[in-house]
Protein backbone atom coordinates (compact mmCIF):
# COMPACT_ATOMS: atom_id res chain seq x y z
CA MET A 1 -10.56 9.93 -36.88
CA GLU A 2 -7.92 9.33 -34.19
CA ILE A 3 -4.38 10.20 -35.27
CA LYS A 4 -1.11 9.75 -33.43
CA VAL A 5 2.18 11.10 -34.75
CA LEU A 6 4.15 11.49 -31.49
CA GLY A 7 5.79 8.11 -31.95
CA PRO A 8 4.77 5.60 -34.65
CA LEU A 9 2.14 6.86 -37.11
CA THR A 10 -1.35 5.55 -36.41
CA ALA A 11 -4.65 6.74 -37.86
CA THR A 12 -7.95 4.97 -37.30
CA GLU A 13 -11.52 5.63 -38.40
CA HIS A 14 -14.24 3.62 -36.65
CA GLY A 15 -11.46 1.47 -35.22
CA VAL A 16 -10.05 0.62 -38.67
CA SER A 17 -6.51 1.64 -39.58
CA VAL A 18 -6.23 3.94 -42.60
CA VAL A 19 -2.41 4.06 -42.61
CA PRO A 20 -1.03 2.80 -45.96
CA THR A 21 1.93 0.44 -46.09
CA ALA A 22 3.65 2.15 -49.04
CA GLY A 23 6.20 4.81 -48.13
CA LYS A 24 5.07 7.86 -50.13
CA PRO A 25 1.36 7.62 -49.25
CA ARG A 26 2.46 7.34 -45.59
CA GLN A 27 4.43 10.57 -46.00
CA ILE A 28 1.38 12.30 -47.44
CA LEU A 29 -0.88 11.10 -44.64
CA ALA A 30 1.68 12.12 -42.01
CA LEU A 31 2.00 15.65 -43.43
CA LEU A 32 -1.76 16.05 -43.79
CA ALA A 33 -2.17 14.84 -40.20
CA LEU A 34 0.40 17.28 -38.82
CA ARG A 35 -1.44 20.09 -40.60
CA ALA A 36 -4.91 18.72 -39.94
CA ASP A 37 -7.77 21.10 -40.84
CA ARG A 38 -5.37 23.20 -42.90
CA VAL A 39 -4.80 23.05 -46.64
CA VAL A 40 -1.51 21.47 -47.70
CA THR A 41 -0.73 22.71 -51.18
CA VAL A 42 0.16 20.45 -54.07
CA PRO A 43 3.69 21.97 -54.40
CA THR A 44 4.31 21.30 -50.69
CA LEU A 45 3.24 17.69 -51.04
CA MET A 46 5.44 17.28 -54.11
CA GLU A 47 8.42 18.79 -52.31
CA GLU A 48 7.93 16.36 -49.44
CA ILE A 49 7.73 13.33 -51.70
CA TRP A 50 10.31 14.14 -54.39
CA GLY A 51 12.38 17.02 -53.07
CA GLU A 52 13.91 19.07 -55.88
CA ARG A 53 13.65 16.26 -58.45
CA ILE A 54 9.96 16.40 -59.23
CA PRO A 55 9.11 14.09 -62.17
CA ARG A 56 6.87 15.11 -65.07
CA SER A 57 4.29 12.59 -63.93
CA ALA A 58 4.19 14.07 -60.42
CA MET A 59 0.63 15.42 -60.57
CA THR A 60 -0.82 12.14 -61.83
CA THR A 61 1.18 10.15 -59.29
CA LEU A 62 0.14 12.43 -56.43
CA GLN A 63 -3.52 12.06 -57.40
CA THR A 64 -3.03 8.28 -57.36
CA TYR A 65 -1.65 8.46 -53.82
CA ILE A 66 -4.61 10.60 -52.71
CA LEU A 67 -6.97 8.08 -54.30
CA GLN A 68 -5.27 5.28 -52.36
CA LEU A 69 -5.76 7.17 -49.11
CA ARG A 70 -9.42 7.82 -49.92
CA ARG A 71 -9.96 4.14 -50.64
CA LYS A 72 -8.57 3.34 -47.20
CA LEU A 73 -10.92 5.91 -45.70
CA ALA A 74 -13.87 4.59 -47.70
CA THR A 75 -13.28 1.09 -46.35
CA ALA A 76 -13.18 2.41 -42.78
CA LEU A 77 -16.30 4.54 -43.37
CA ALA A 78 -18.32 1.71 -44.90
CA GLY A 79 -21.73 1.72 -43.28
CA ASP A 80 -21.50 5.34 -42.12
CA PRO A 81 -24.27 7.19 -43.98
CA HIS A 82 -23.16 10.61 -42.77
CA ARG A 83 -19.55 10.80 -44.01
CA GLN A 84 -17.71 10.02 -47.21
CA ALA A 85 -14.00 9.75 -47.89
CA LYS A 86 -13.99 12.96 -49.96
CA GLU A 87 -15.47 14.81 -46.98
CA VAL A 88 -12.60 13.68 -44.75
CA LEU A 89 -9.75 14.10 -47.25
CA VAL A 90 -10.95 17.23 -49.02
CA THR A 91 -9.69 18.73 -52.28
CA GLN A 92 -9.50 22.48 -51.67
CA HIS A 93 -7.69 25.62 -52.93
CA GLY A 94 -4.92 23.94 -54.91
CA GLY A 95 -4.24 21.30 -52.30
CA TYR A 96 -5.75 18.86 -49.84
CA ARG A 97 -7.09 19.15 -46.31
CA LEU A 98 -7.58 16.36 -43.79
CA GLN A 99 -10.67 17.22 -41.79
CA VAL A 100 -10.31 16.00 -38.23
CA ARG A 101 -12.34 16.94 -35.17
CA SER A 102 -10.60 18.97 -32.47
CA GLY A 103 -8.55 16.96 -30.00
CA ARG A 104 -8.20 13.92 -32.27
CA VAL A 105 -4.57 14.54 -33.32
CA ASP A 106 -2.07 14.01 -30.52
CA ALA A 107 0.35 16.64 -31.89
CA GLN A 108 -2.35 19.32 -31.79
CA GLU A 109 -3.30 18.28 -28.26
CA PHE A 110 0.36 18.46 -27.26
CA VAL A 111 0.67 22.00 -28.63
CA ARG A 112 -2.50 23.07 -26.79
CA LEU A 113 -1.40 21.61 -23.45
CA ALA A 114 2.16 22.92 -23.81
CA ALA A 115 0.89 26.45 -24.51
CA SER A 116 -1.42 26.33 -21.48
CA GLY A 117 1.41 24.99 -19.34
CA ARG A 118 3.77 27.69 -20.55
CA ALA A 119 1.21 30.39 -19.69
CA ALA A 120 0.71 28.90 -16.21
CA HIS A 121 4.48 28.78 -15.68
CA GLN A 122 4.88 32.40 -16.73
CA ALA A 123 2.08 33.36 -14.31
CA GLY A 124 3.84 31.58 -11.45
CA ASP A 125 1.19 28.89 -11.14
CA TYR A 126 3.72 26.07 -10.94
CA ARG A 127 1.29 23.38 -9.82
CA SER A 128 -0.90 23.89 -12.89
CA ALA A 129 2.19 24.23 -15.08
CA SER A 130 3.58 20.91 -13.86
CA GLU A 131 0.26 19.14 -14.41
CA LEU A 132 -0.37 20.57 -17.89
CA LEU A 133 3.17 20.14 -19.15
CA GLY A 134 3.30 16.65 -17.69
CA ARG A 135 0.16 15.71 -19.63
CA ALA A 136 1.68 17.23 -22.77
CA THR A 137 4.93 15.27 -22.61
CA GLU A 138 3.13 12.04 -21.69
CA LEU A 139 1.52 12.08 -25.14
CA TRP A 140 4.89 11.14 -26.64
CA HIS A 141 5.68 7.48 -27.29
CA GLY A 142 9.06 7.84 -28.98
CA PRO A 143 10.45 10.18 -31.66
CA ALA A 144 7.73 11.81 -33.77
CA LEU A 145 6.82 9.78 -36.88
CA VAL A 146 9.54 7.28 -36.04
CA ASP A 147 8.29 4.82 -38.69
CA VAL A 148 7.81 7.31 -41.54
CA ARG A 149 10.56 8.23 -43.99
CA ALA A 150 10.63 12.01 -43.81
CA GLY A 151 11.29 14.35 -46.71
CA SER A 152 12.41 17.95 -46.32
CA VAL A 153 8.99 19.26 -45.24
CA LEU A 154 8.31 16.57 -42.65
CA GLU A 155 11.85 16.89 -41.31
CA LEU A 156 11.21 20.52 -40.38
CA GLU A 157 7.82 19.70 -38.87
CA VAL A 158 9.33 16.92 -36.76
CA LEU A 159 12.27 19.11 -35.70
CA GLY A 160 9.85 21.80 -34.51
CA LEU A 161 7.85 19.25 -32.53
CA GLU A 162 10.95 17.78 -30.92
CA GLU A 163 12.18 21.24 -29.90
CA SER A 164 8.76 22.01 -28.41
CA ARG A 165 8.89 18.72 -26.52
CA MET A 166 12.26 19.59 -24.98
CA ALA A 167 11.05 23.06 -24.02
CA ALA A 168 7.92 21.62 -22.38
CA LEU A 169 10.01 19.08 -20.50
CA GLU A 170 12.39 21.79 -19.24
CA ARG A 171 9.49 23.94 -18.02
CA ARG A 172 7.79 21.00 -16.31
CA ILE A 173 10.97 20.15 -14.42
CA ASP A 174 11.47 23.81 -13.54
CA ALA A 175 7.92 23.91 -12.16
CA ASP A 176 8.61 20.75 -10.13
CA LEU A 177 11.71 22.37 -8.65
CA HIS A 178 9.65 25.37 -7.62
CA LEU A 179 7.28 22.94 -5.92
CA GLY A 180 10.10 21.35 -3.92
CA ARG A 181 10.10 18.03 -5.79
CA HIS A 182 13.88 17.82 -5.82
CA ARG A 183 14.39 14.19 -4.89
CA GLU A 184 11.65 13.06 -7.27
CA THR A 185 13.24 14.78 -10.28
CA VAL A 186 16.82 13.55 -9.80
CA PRO A 187 16.40 10.08 -11.43
CA GLU A 188 14.61 11.56 -14.45
CA LEU A 189 17.21 14.30 -14.83
CA ARG A 190 20.09 11.85 -14.64
CA VAL A 191 18.61 9.99 -17.62
CA LEU A 192 18.00 13.23 -19.54
CA VAL A 193 21.55 14.43 -18.94
CA ALA A 194 22.96 11.07 -20.04
CA ARG A 195 20.92 11.26 -23.26
CA ASN A 196 21.72 14.95 -23.82
CA PRO A 197 25.29 15.37 -22.50
CA LEU A 198 25.70 18.89 -23.95
CA HIS A 199 22.36 20.25 -22.71
CA GLU A 200 23.22 22.90 -20.13
CA ASN A 201 19.69 23.49 -18.87
CA PHE A 202 19.17 19.84 -17.99
CA CYS A 203 22.54 19.84 -16.22
CA ALA A 204 21.63 23.00 -14.33
CA HIS A 205 18.33 21.48 -13.24
CA LEU A 206 20.12 18.30 -12.14
CA MET A 207 22.71 20.27 -10.15
CA THR A 208 19.97 22.27 -8.46
CA ALA A 209 17.94 19.18 -7.62
CA GLN A 210 20.99 17.29 -6.32
CA HIS A 211 22.11 20.21 -4.17
CA ARG A 212 18.67 20.76 -2.68
CA ALA A 213 18.33 17.01 -2.06
CA GLY A 214 21.48 17.12 0.07
CA SER A 215 23.98 15.77 -2.47
CA SER A 216 26.05 18.81 -3.33
CA TRP A 217 29.04 16.63 -4.18
CA ARG A 218 26.95 14.94 -6.87
CA ALA A 219 26.00 18.37 -8.21
CA LEU A 220 29.71 19.23 -8.51
CA GLU A 221 30.32 15.91 -10.28
CA SER A 222 27.55 16.70 -12.75
CA TYR A 223 29.14 20.06 -13.51
CA GLN A 224 32.59 18.54 -14.05
CA ARG A 225 31.15 15.88 -16.35
CA LEU A 226 29.45 18.52 -18.51
CA ARG A 227 32.56 20.71 -18.53
CA THR A 228 34.75 17.83 -19.68
CA THR A 229 32.31 16.93 -22.45
CA LEU A 230 32.04 20.53 -23.66
CA ILE A 231 35.81 20.98 -23.76
CA ASP A 232 36.46 17.62 -25.42
CA GLU A 233 33.75 17.92 -28.08
CA LEU A 234 33.41 21.66 -28.70
CA GLY A 235 36.45 23.28 -27.11
CA LEU A 236 34.12 25.43 -24.96
CA GLU A 237 33.75 26.18 -21.28
CA PRO A 238 30.28 26.03 -19.67
CA SER A 239 28.22 29.20 -19.93
CA PRO A 240 28.69 31.96 -17.33
CA ARG A 241 25.26 31.08 -15.89
CA LEU A 242 26.32 27.50 -15.26
CA GLN A 243 29.67 28.64 -13.85
CA ARG A 244 27.79 30.87 -11.39
CA LEU A 245 25.64 27.91 -10.38
CA HIS A 246 28.79 25.83 -9.86
CA GLN A 247 30.25 28.55 -7.63
CA ALA A 248 27.00 28.79 -5.67
CA VAL A 249 27.11 25.05 -4.97
CA LEU A 250 30.78 25.25 -3.97
CA THR A 251 30.11 28.03 -1.45
CA ALA A 252 26.76 26.63 -0.29
CA ASP A 253 25.11 29.91 -1.24
CA PRO A 254 21.83 30.11 0.74
CA ALA A 255 20.14 31.77 -2.23
CA LEU A 256 20.45 28.52 -4.13
CA ASP A 257 17.93 26.92 -1.81
CA LEU A 258 15.38 29.62 -2.63
CA GLU A 259 15.84 30.41 -6.28
CA VAL A 260 15.49 28.36 -9.44
CA THR A 261 18.73 28.63 -11.34
CA ALA A 262 17.63 27.42 -14.78
CA GLY A 263 14.70 28.61 -16.83
């Protein structure tokens, strides 16, 4: 089975979609996919679907949703003598487990690549870090599970993925700055800063890239724009780290051309 959750939800078996159209079965499939090869307990599934208002008929209804998913799988597996729907969507230990081969869920592949990229970055291997983290972030095709109504459990899963995505993106850009790709990163960073106007690390990366690309005045503009936004929206000044970066740009500190200023 091929499953994608880093964007719209898709799941195919032998080229046939197994994604249901009804909302609650989609939630179940999405949660099982995010925790592929792990048991998702019945209480967890109920919490996702109904929150704190779990009806008396919840167990029967949940079993009906699982049956619907297995019927979808059975249709896709028709003609395959080696696998049955119950062997893909397995009942186990008070819950259900979606059995998927390694590398077939984009979220799991993202986590693997991001971890490898993080390790390479920490080891100072910036070329490998840039390549691995770039591959990780390229797996995304929009917000995770953008077409699935998320309950409380999925919301936390999606939030964790989105935070990991931002961290991977920051590290990849940091690696690119170490590699001297200042001019190449400026357009991307300008978009990221516009979309995340309170994100100090993106601003710091943009200031560094602009300064090293010979546009120190643009770096100072970027700082002033962030400062104005922080004061207007939060009543806060930029962090001391960003203020030091601003001062380094103002004084054309030679160290700025040699050191990465944002982690």
